[in-house]
Amino acid sequence: MSGILSLVLNNYASNAGSGSVVLLSGTNLTWYVPAGVTSISVVVVGGGGYGTESSCICGVQMLGGGGGALAWYNNIAVTAGQGINYSVGSGGTISYANGGTSYFGPSATPYAKATGGLSNGGSGGVFTTLASAGGGGNGGASYVDYFTGGGGAGGYTGNGGMGGAPSIAATSGAGGGGGGASYNNGDQHGGGGVGLGGQGINGTAGGVGLDGGGGSPSIIPNGGGTSGSSLGGGIYGGGGSGSSLGSNGGQGAIRIVFPGLTRQFPSTNVSTV
């Protein structure tokens, strides 16, 4: 396996062909199939967009970033030692920086691909998969308005929540997506991220003075979605809040489980290591 900050959660493939791997960073790298593994399933989450202050003819706006999308694909036939391309999208960390794209498979036609959310009042990321063996949800957007919150990450069967604005309430995520964040007297809030352990609870909308909630919490180490905050979007894939100080988008991620024949997203034997 290749890549920076890759976390092997349970990789006893040489004995049982069963395990789980989380990849937390890396661009255009290669993951190698462990010994004993003949099929895998995968979920990918794009990075959240950056939120910051923006000038316009109407004055100054604090614009949140869109949430990253989520995509999954099941039961991919593989052979031991096979190399599979991947990229993990980072969250936006500077003004006008969109979240990065996460994909797994050939770069031209990956099994699963989730683009990052756009920065500064931008749309959420978009998911794509090869065929009916896959699915997911698009990231939530942040309104182009004064003082907006970040959008939530996409869910396993629906989209992330929309970020709130002064006259528009934030919305909850669907199918496990992180909830969109709210607005409260200039106190902006980040969108919630989404967990890597399969379909779970929906991320809650940020109420007055509250951040967007994380969707699909997980008992998997480093695999649970977290709520957003005034400092940034939740992991994985939450959009950053509109802020004069700037607010990072939540990082993206990839999780691979095997065997893919019996462990499949959104909710078949993927909630544990």
Protein backbone atom coordinates (compact mmCIF):
# COMPACT_ATOMS: atom_id res chain seq x y z
CA MET A 1 0.00 0.00 0.00
CA SER A 2 1.28 3.44 -0.89
CA GLY A 3 0.36 6.85 0.47
CA ILE A 4 0.89 9.35 3.27
CA LEU A 5 -1.12 9.05 6.49
CA SER A 6 -2.72 5.79 5.42
CA LEU A 7 -4.35 3.99 8.32
CA VAL A 8 -4.58 0.19 8.21
CA LEU A 9 -7.41 -0.65 10.56
CA ASN A 10 -7.50 -4.43 10.24
CA ASN A 11 -5.47 -6.14 7.58
CA TYR A 12 -5.23 -9.88 8.18
CA ALA A 13 -5.75 -10.61 4.51
CA SER A 14 -2.97 -13.17 4.26
CA ASN A 15 -4.90 -15.40 6.68
CA ALA A 16 -8.57 -14.69 6.14
CA GLY A 17 -8.96 -12.26 3.24
CA SER A 18 -10.95 -9.97 5.55
CA GLY A 19 -10.13 -6.45 6.67
CA SER A 20 -10.56 -2.71 6.36
CA VAL A 21 -8.26 0.12 5.28
CA VAL A 22 -8.72 3.90 5.55
CA LEU A 23 -6.72 6.28 3.34
CA LEU A 24 -6.61 9.86 4.62
CA SER A 25 -4.39 11.65 2.10
CA GLY A 26 -2.49 11.27 -1.14
CA THR A 27 -2.90 12.31 -4.78
CA ASN A 28 -2.58 9.99 -7.77
CA LEU A 29 -1.15 7.15 -5.72
CA THR A 30 -1.55 3.37 -5.83
CA TRP A 31 -3.08 0.98 -3.31
CA TYR A 32 -2.01 -2.66 -3.62
CA VAL A 33 -4.42 -5.50 -2.95
CA PRO A 34 -3.25 -7.62 0.01
CA ALA A 35 -2.65 -11.35 -0.23
CA GLY A 36 -5.74 -13.51 0.02
CA VAL A 37 -8.16 -10.78 -1.12
CA THR A 38 -10.32 -11.45 -4.18
CA SER A 39 -13.04 -8.78 -3.85
CA ILE A 40 -13.40 -5.36 -2.23
CA SER A 41 -15.97 -2.60 -1.65
CA VAL A 42 -15.07 1.09 -1.33
CA VAL A 43 -16.48 4.44 -0.17
CA VAL A 44 -14.93 7.81 -1.07
CA VAL A 45 -15.64 11.30 0.33
CA GLY A 46 -14.54 14.57 -1.28
CA GLY A 47 -13.09 17.49 0.67
CA GLY A 48 -15.16 20.41 1.92
CA GLY A 49 -14.81 23.90 0.43
CA TYR A 50 -13.16 26.81 2.24
CA GLY A 51 -15.30 29.49 3.87
CA THR A 52 -14.18 33.08 4.27
CA GLU A 53 -14.91 36.76 3.85
CA SER A 54 -15.68 37.96 0.35
CA SER A 55 -16.13 41.47 -1.03
CA CYS A 56 -18.87 42.40 -3.44
CA ILE A 57 -20.64 45.54 -4.71
CA CYS A 58 -23.11 45.07 -1.87
CA GLY A 59 -20.38 45.19 0.77
CA VAL A 60 -18.73 42.32 2.65
CA GLN A 61 -20.09 38.78 2.77
CA MET A 62 -19.06 35.84 4.93
CA LEU A 63 -19.57 32.85 2.65
CA GLY A 64 -19.44 29.21 3.70
CA GLY A 65 -18.05 26.40 1.57
CA GLY A 66 -19.97 23.53 0.03
CA GLY A 67 -19.71 20.02 1.41
CA GLY A 68 -17.86 17.20 -0.34
CA ALA A 69 -19.81 14.42 -2.04
CA LEU A 70 -19.81 10.73 -1.05
CA ALA A 71 -19.75 7.76 -3.44
CA TRP A 72 -19.53 4.01 -2.94
CA TYR A 73 -19.05 0.94 -5.15
CA ASN A 74 -19.33 -2.71 -4.19
CA ASN A 75 -17.88 -6.14 -4.93
CA ILE A 76 -14.96 -5.17 -7.14
CA ALA A 77 -13.11 -8.27 -8.36
CA VAL A 78 -9.37 -8.00 -7.61
CA THR A 79 -6.23 -10.13 -7.41
CA ALA A 80 -3.49 -10.12 -4.78
CA GLY A 81 -0.78 -7.58 -5.58
CA GLN A 82 -2.94 -5.66 -8.04
CA GLY A 83 -2.38 -1.89 -7.98
CA ILE A 84 -5.41 0.41 -7.96
CA ASN A 85 -5.14 4.16 -8.43
CA TYR A 86 -6.63 6.57 -5.90
CA SER A 87 -6.66 10.16 -4.71
CA VAL A 88 -7.94 11.58 -1.43
CA GLY A 89 -9.36 15.08 -1.64
CA SER A 90 -8.14 17.60 0.92
CA GLY A 91 -10.34 20.29 2.40
CA GLY A 92 -9.92 23.84 1.12
CA THR A 93 -7.42 25.70 3.32
CA ILE A 94 -7.01 29.12 1.67
CA SER A 95 -9.39 31.72 0.27
CA TYR A 96 -11.40 30.54 -2.73
CA ALA A 97 -9.96 27.03 -2.44
CA ASN A 98 -12.39 24.29 -3.37
CA GLY A 99 -12.34 20.90 -1.71
CA GLY A 100 -10.36 18.22 -3.51
CA THR A 101 -11.72 15.24 -5.42
CA SER A 102 -11.51 11.69 -4.05
CA TYR A 103 -11.59 8.73 -6.40
CA PHE A 104 -10.74 5.04 -6.42
CA GLY A 105 -9.94 3.13 -9.62
CA PRO A 106 -8.61 4.07 -13.05
CA SER A 107 -8.40 7.87 -13.16
CA ALA A 108 -10.42 8.10 -16.41
CA THR A 109 -13.21 5.77 -15.23
CA PRO A 110 -12.94 5.22 -11.46
CA TYR A 111 -15.24 2.85 -9.61
CA ALA A 112 -16.28 5.70 -7.32
CA LYS A 113 -15.60 9.43 -7.49
CA ALA A 114 -16.67 12.29 -5.21
CA THR A 115 -15.75 15.87 -6.03
CA GLY A 116 -15.11 18.48 -3.36
CA GLY A 117 -17.38 21.33 -2.33
CA LEU A 118 -16.83 24.76 -3.85
CA SER A 119 -15.52 27.65 -1.80
CA ASN A 120 -17.22 30.89 -0.76
CA GLY A 121 -20.93 30.27 -1.10
CA GLY A 122 -20.37 27.43 -3.55
CA SER A 123 -22.22 24.29 -4.48
CA GLY A 124 -21.59 20.92 -2.91
CA GLY A 125 -19.53 18.22 -4.56
CA VAL A 126 -21.02 15.69 -7.01
CA PHE A 127 -20.71 11.90 -6.86
CA THR A 128 -20.36 9.41 -9.72
CA THR A 129 -20.05 5.61 -9.87
CA LEU A 130 -19.62 3.13 -12.69
CA ALA A 131 -22.97 1.35 -12.56
CA SER A 132 -25.76 -0.02 -10.36
CA ALA A 133 -23.25 -1.50 -7.90
CA GLY A 134 -22.65 2.00 -6.56
CA GLY A 135 -24.39 5.03 -5.09
CA GLY A 136 -24.00 7.94 -2.70
CA GLY A 137 -25.03 11.56 -2.29
CA ASN A 138 -23.96 15.04 -3.34
CA GLY A 139 -22.59 17.55 -0.87
CA GLY A 140 -24.75 20.34 0.50
CA ALA A 141 -24.27 23.88 -0.80
CA SER A 142 -23.79 27.18 0.98
CA TYR A 143 -26.01 30.06 -0.09
CA VAL A 144 -24.50 33.14 -1.73
CA ASP A 145 -25.82 35.51 0.92
CA TYR A 146 -24.50 37.44 3.89
CA PHE A 147 -23.03 35.39 6.73
CA THR A 148 -23.68 31.84 5.54
CA GLY A 149 -22.78 28.52 7.10
CA GLY A 150 -21.01 25.60 5.44
CA GLY A 151 -22.80 22.80 3.60
CA GLY A 152 -22.84 19.25 4.93
CA ALA A 153 -21.05 16.28 3.39
CA GLY A 154 -23.01 13.97 1.12
CA GLY A 155 -24.72 10.88 2.53
CA TYR A 156 -24.90 7.23 1.52
CA THR A 157 -28.37 7.53 -0.01
CA GLY A 158 -28.95 11.28 -0.15
CA ASN A 159 -27.43 14.73 -0.18
CA GLY A 160 -25.80 16.78 2.54
CA GLY A 161 -27.62 19.61 4.28
CA MET A 162 -27.66 23.17 3.00
CA GLY A 163 -25.80 25.83 4.93
CA GLY A 164 -27.92 28.43 6.69
CA ALA A 165 -28.19 32.15 5.93
CA PRO A 166 -29.74 35.12 7.77
CA SER A 167 -33.21 34.52 6.36
CA ILE A 168 -32.85 30.84 5.45
CA ALA A 169 -32.68 27.95 7.90
CA ALA A 170 -30.04 25.27 7.53
CA THR A 171 -31.29 21.80 6.53
CA SER A 172 -30.46 18.32 7.76
CA GLY A 173 -28.46 15.87 5.71
CA ALA A 174 -30.18 12.90 4.06
CA GLY A 175 -29.07 9.30 4.26
CA GLY A 176 -26.20 10.02 6.63
CA GLY A 177 -25.01 13.30 5.16
CA GLY A 178 -23.67 15.95 7.53
CA GLY A 179 -26.14 18.67 8.46
CA GLY A 180 -25.74 22.16 7.03
CA ALA A 181 -24.60 24.88 9.42
CA SER A 182 -26.52 27.88 10.68
CA TYR A 183 -26.21 31.64 10.96
CA ASN A 184 -26.44 33.51 14.25
CA ASN A 185 -25.70 37.23 14.42
CA GLY A 186 -22.51 36.91 12.42
CA ASP A 187 -21.40 33.77 14.28
CA GLN A 188 -21.05 31.29 11.43
CA HIS A 189 -20.82 27.52 11.71
CA GLY A 190 -19.26 24.71 9.70
CA GLY A 191 -21.14 21.94 7.94
CA GLY A 192 -21.09 18.44 9.39
CA GLY A 193 -18.95 15.64 8.00
CA VAL A 194 -19.96 12.05 7.27
CA GLY A 195 -18.64 8.81 8.73
CA LEU A 196 -17.03 5.95 6.83
CA GLY A 197 -18.91 3.13 8.55
CA GLY A 198 -21.93 3.02 6.27
CA GLN A 199 -25.47 4.34 6.50
CA GLY A 200 -26.32 5.76 9.89
CA ILE A 201 -28.20 8.66 11.43
CA ASN A 202 -28.76 11.81 9.42
CA GLY A 203 -26.61 14.81 10.24
CA THR A 204 -28.74 17.41 12.01
CA ALA A 205 -29.25 20.95 10.75
CA GLY A 206 -27.46 23.61 12.73
CA GLY A 207 -30.06 25.54 14.74
CA VAL A 208 -29.59 29.08 15.96
CA GLY A 209 -26.02 29.33 17.19
CA LEU A 210 -25.26 25.68 16.47
CA ASP A 211 -22.99 23.85 14.03
CA GLY A 212 -24.12 21.29 11.49
CA GLY A 213 -24.13 17.78 12.98
CA GLY A 214 -22.01 14.91 11.70
CA GLY A 215 -23.83 12.19 9.79
CA SER A 216 -23.41 8.43 10.19
CA PRO A 217 -21.25 8.31 13.34
CA SER A 218 -19.10 5.21 13.41
CA ILE A 219 -17.35 3.01 15.94
CA ILE A 220 -14.52 2.61 13.47
CA PRO A 221 -11.35 4.33 14.73
CA ASN A 222 -10.92 7.62 12.87
CA GLY A 223 -13.96 6.73 10.78
CA GLY A 224 -16.81 8.69 12.33
CA GLY A 225 -18.33 11.86 10.93
CA THR A 226 -17.93 14.92 13.17
CA SER A 227 -19.89 18.13 13.61
CA GLY A 228 -18.68 21.34 12.04
CA SER A 229 -17.42 24.28 14.07
CA SER A 230 -16.58 27.95 13.74
CA LEU A 231 -13.06 26.78 12.89
CA GLY A 232 -14.02 24.57 9.98
CA GLY A 233 -16.14 21.85 8.45
CA GLY A 234 -16.41 18.47 10.14
CA ILE A 235 -14.55 15.42 8.95
CA TYR A 236 -15.11 13.94 6.53
CA GLY A 237 -16.16 16.45 3.84
CA GLY A 238 -17.93 19.23 5.78
CA GLY A 239 -17.89 22.73 4.27
CA GLY A 240 -16.13 25.53 6.14
CA SER A 241 -18.17 28.33 7.70
CA GLY A 242 -18.21 31.89 6.40
CA SER A 243 -15.70 33.77 8.54
CA SER A 244 -13.53 36.88 8.40
CA LEU A 245 -10.70 34.73 9.77
CA GLY A 246 -11.22 31.95 7.24
CA SER A 247 -12.54 28.45 7.86
CA ASN A 248 -11.09 25.22 6.43
CA GLY A 249 -13.16 22.57 4.74
CA GLY A 250 -13.14 19.09 6.25
CA GLN A 251 -10.72 16.62 4.66
CA GLY A 252 -11.88 13.83 2.39
CA ALA A 253 -11.23 10.11 2.89
CA ILE A 254 -11.40 6.64 1.34
CA ARG A 255 -12.32 3.40 3.08
CA ILE A 256 -11.82 -0.04 1.54
CA VAL A 257 -13.40 -3.18 3.03
CA PHE A 258 -12.99 -6.83 2.07
CA PRO A 259 -14.26 -9.32 1.10
CA GLY A 260 -16.50 -7.26 -1.15
CA LEU A 261 -18.86 -10.17 -1.74
CA THR A 262 -20.18 -10.05 1.83
CA ARG A 263 -19.26 -6.50 2.94
CA GLN A 264 -21.09 -3.87 0.94
CA PHE A 265 -22.13 -0.24 1.29
CA PRO A 266 -24.34 1.39 2.31
CA SER A 267 -25.03 -0.93 5.27
CA THR A 268 -24.08 -4.59 4.85
CA ASN A 269 -21.35 -5.62 7.33
CA VAL A 270 -19.45 -2.32 7.01
CA SER A 271 -20.20 -0.72 10.38
CA THR A 272 -17.36 -2.53 12.18
CA VAL A 273 -13.70 -3.15 11.51
